[in-house]
C-alpha atoms as a PDB file:
ATOM      1  CA  MET A   1       0.000   0.000   0.000  1.00  0.00           C
ATOM      2  CA  PRO A   2       1.543   3.364  -1.009  1.00  0.00           C
ATOM      3  CA  SER A   3       2.229   6.007   1.615  1.00  0.00           C
ATOM      4  CA  LYS A   4      -0.137   8.937   1.844  1.00  0.00           C
ATOM      5  CA  PRO A   5       1.211  12.404   1.139  1.00  0.00           C
ATOM      6  CA  ILE A   6       1.703  14.678   4.125  1.00  0.00           C
ATOM      7  CA  VAL A   7       1.762  18.429   4.681  1.00  0.00           C
ATOM      8  CA  VAL A   8       4.165  19.869   7.238  1.00  0.00           C
ATOM      9  CA  THR A   9       3.458  23.301   8.734  1.00  0.00           C
ATOM     10  CA  LEU A  10       6.128  25.151  10.664  1.00  0.00           C
ATOM     11  CA  ARG A  11       5.242  28.329  12.531  1.00  0.00           C
ATOM     12  CA  LEU A  12       8.510  30.140  13.049  1.00  0.00           C
ATOM     13  CA  THR A  13       9.557  33.172  15.066  1.00  0.00           C
ATOM     14  CA  PRO A  14      12.996  34.255  13.897  1.00  0.00           C
ATOM     15  CA  SER A  15      15.227  36.340  16.114  1.00  0.00           C
ATOM     16  CA  ASP A  16      16.257  38.377  13.030  1.00  0.00           C
ATOM     17  CA  PRO A  17      13.529  38.147  10.357  1.00  0.00           C
ATOM     18  CA  LYS A  18      15.618  39.579   7.496  1.00  0.00           C
ATOM     19  CA  ALA A  19      18.569  37.267   8.161  1.00  0.00           C
ATOM     20  CA  PHE A  20      16.197  34.310   8.464  1.00  0.00           C
ATOM     21  CA  GLN A  21      14.489  35.128   5.160  1.00  0.00           C
ATOM     22  CA  SER A  22      17.912  35.287   3.486  1.00  0.00           C
ATOM     23  CA  PHE A  23      18.832  31.945   5.041  1.00  0.00           C
ATOM     24  CA  LEU A  24      15.586  30.380   3.764  1.00  0.00           C
ATOM     25  CA  ALA A  25      16.244  31.766   0.283  1.00  0.00           C
ATOM     26  CA  GLU A  26      19.584  29.926   0.342  1.00  0.00           C
ATOM     27  CA  ILE A  27      18.327  26.553   1.593  1.00  0.00           C
ATOM     28  CA  LEU A  28      14.833  26.177   0.123  1.00  0.00           C
ATOM     29  CA  PRO A  29      15.972  25.492  -3.469  1.00  0.00           C
ATOM     30  CA  ASP A  30      17.657  22.296  -2.205  1.00  0.00           C
ATOM     31  CA  THR A  31      14.579  21.446  -0.156  1.00  0.00           C
ATOM     32  CA  ARG A  32      12.406  21.719  -3.258  1.00  0.00           C
ATOM     33  CA  LYS A  33      14.752  19.336  -5.100  1.00  0.00           C
ATOM     34  CA  ALA A  34      14.739  16.756  -2.292  1.00  0.00           C
ATOM     35  CA  ARG A  35      13.251  13.377  -3.076  1.00  0.00           C
ATOM     36  CA  GLY A  36       9.514  13.426  -2.406  1.00  0.00           C
ATOM     37  CA  CYS A  37       9.158  17.178  -1.867  1.00  0.00           C
ATOM     38  CA  ARG A  38       6.092  18.392  -3.741  1.00  0.00           C
ATOM     39  CA  TYR A  39       6.509  21.978  -2.600  1.00  0.00           C
ATOM     40  CA  ALA A  40       8.010  24.209   0.068  1.00  0.00           C
ATOM     41  CA  LYS A  41       6.595  27.725   0.396  1.00  0.00           C
ATOM     42  CA  THR A  42       6.979  30.508   2.918  1.00  0.00           C
ATOM     43  CA  TYR A  43       4.368  33.017   4.003  1.00  0.00           C
ATOM     44  CA  VAL A  44       4.517  36.115   6.195  1.00  0.00           C
ATOM     45  CA  THR A  45       1.820  38.430   7.480  1.00  0.00           C
ATOM     46  CA  LYS A  46       1.448  41.806   5.798  1.00  0.00           C
ATOM     47  CA  ASP A  47       3.633  43.540   8.371  1.00  0.00           C
ATOM     48  CA  GLY A  48       5.839  40.513   9.028  1.00  0.00           C
ATOM     49  CA  ALA A  49       5.228  40.783  12.769  1.00  0.00           C
ATOM     50  CA  GLU A  50       3.754  37.299  13.167  1.00  0.00           C
ATOM     51  CA  GLY A  51       6.837  35.420  12.035  1.00  0.00           C
ATOM     52  CA  VAL A  52       7.024  32.966   9.147  1.00  0.00           C
ATOM     53  CA  LEU A  53       4.804  30.097   8.080  1.00  0.00           C
ATOM     54  CA  LEU A  54       6.639  27.399   6.128  1.00  0.00           C
ATOM     55  CA  LEU A  55       4.426  24.892   4.302  1.00  0.00           C
ATOM     56  CA  GLN A  56       5.826  21.733   2.771  1.00  0.00           C
ATOM     57  CA  GLU A  57       4.105  18.811   1.080  1.00  0.00           C
ATOM     58  CA  TRP A  58       5.862  15.462   0.831  1.00  0.00           C
ATOM     59  CA  ASN A  59       5.013  12.274  -1.034  1.00  0.00           C
ATOM     60  CA  SER A  60       5.360  10.282   2.180  1.00  0.00           C
ATOM     61  CA  PRO A  61       6.418  10.562   5.814  1.00  0.00           C
ATOM     62  CA  GLU A  62       9.500   8.514   4.916  1.00  0.00           C
ATOM     63  CA  ASP A  63      10.599  11.087   2.317  1.00  0.00           C
ATOM     64  CA  GLN A  64      10.212  13.898   4.854  1.00  0.00           C
ATOM     65  CA  GLN A  65      12.091  11.941   7.532  1.00  0.00           C
ATOM     66  CA  ALA A  66      14.939  11.170   5.115  1.00  0.00           C
ATOM     67  CA  TYR A  67      15.124  14.860   4.232  1.00  0.00           C
ATOM     68  CA  MET A  68      15.287  15.874   7.903  1.00  0.00           C
ATOM     69  CA  ALA A  69      18.033  13.309   8.556  1.00  0.00           C
ATOM     70  CA  TRP A  70      20.004  14.743   5.623  1.00  0.00           C
ATOM     71  CA  ARG A  71      19.552  18.321   6.882  1.00  0.00           C
ATOM     72  CA  GLU A  72      20.702  17.241  10.334  1.00  0.00           C
ATOM     73  CA  SER A  73      23.775  15.461   8.944  1.00  0.00           C
ATOM     74  CA  THR A  74      24.858  18.554   6.988  1.00  0.00           C
ATOM     75  CA  GLY A  75      24.463  20.911   9.966  1.00  0.00           C
ATOM     76  CA  VAL A  76      21.786  22.986   8.235  1.00  0.00           C
ATOM     77  CA  LEU A  77      19.104  21.924  10.718  1.00  0.00           C
ATOM     78  CA  GLN A  78      21.159  23.322  13.611  1.00  0.00           C
ATOM     79  CA  MET A  79      21.708  26.587  11.716  1.00  0.00           C
ATOM     80  CA  PHE A  80      17.955  26.733  10.996  1.00  0.00           C
ATOM     81  CA  LEU A  81      17.121  26.247  14.662  1.00  0.00           C
ATOM     82  CA  GLY A  82      19.716  28.838  15.635  1.00  0.00           C
ATOM     83  CA  HIS A  83      17.744  31.517  13.770  1.00  0.00           C
ATOM     84  CA  LEU A  84      14.644  30.985  15.894  1.00  0.00           C
ATOM     85  CA  ALA A  85      13.668  33.084  18.910  1.00  0.00           C
ATOM     86  CA  THR A  86      11.275  30.339  20.070  1.00  0.00           C
ATOM     87  CA  PRO A  87      10.998  26.631  19.187  1.00  0.00           C
ATOM     88  CA  ALA A  88       9.222  25.880  15.907  1.00  0.00           C
ATOM     89  CA  ASP A  89       5.603  24.766  16.092  1.00  0.00           C
ATOM     90  CA  VAL A  90       5.645  21.773  13.737  1.00  0.00           C
ATOM     91  CA  GLN A  91       2.515  19.906  12.681  1.00  0.00           C
ATOM     92  CA  ILE A  92       2.172  17.040  10.226  1.00  0.00           C
ATOM     93  CA  TRP A  93      -1.139  16.696   8.394  1.00  0.00           C
ATOM     94  CA  GLN A  94      -2.607  13.895   6.301  1.00  0.00           C
ATOM     95  CA  ALA A  95      -5.434  14.211   3.799  1.00  0.00           C
ATOM     96  CA  ASP A  96      -8.892  13.517   5.189  1.00  0.00           C
ATOM     97  CA  PRO A  97     -11.078  11.328   2.976  1.00  0.00           C
ATOM     98  CA  ALA A  98     -14.110  13.606   3.529  1.00  0.00           C
END
């Protein structure tokens, strides 16, 4: 039975929003090329005061887990976390058959 696609939402509060947006611009092209990544998009509120919302869709939980392991092994995950003023609020969603 094939895995179901998942959507990952990350609500992020960077300590320096401009530096964090530059960092994301550097790393997201590789994220989008990762095996199983359907998309990775960032959103900010009009004034940017509410932080950043990062939405990703993956073909399967296994693809997303392999990606996270790769990011951890390269040190990028630690750099990502270092930009945050508070821990990321991460949620993983699956499609509802309704």
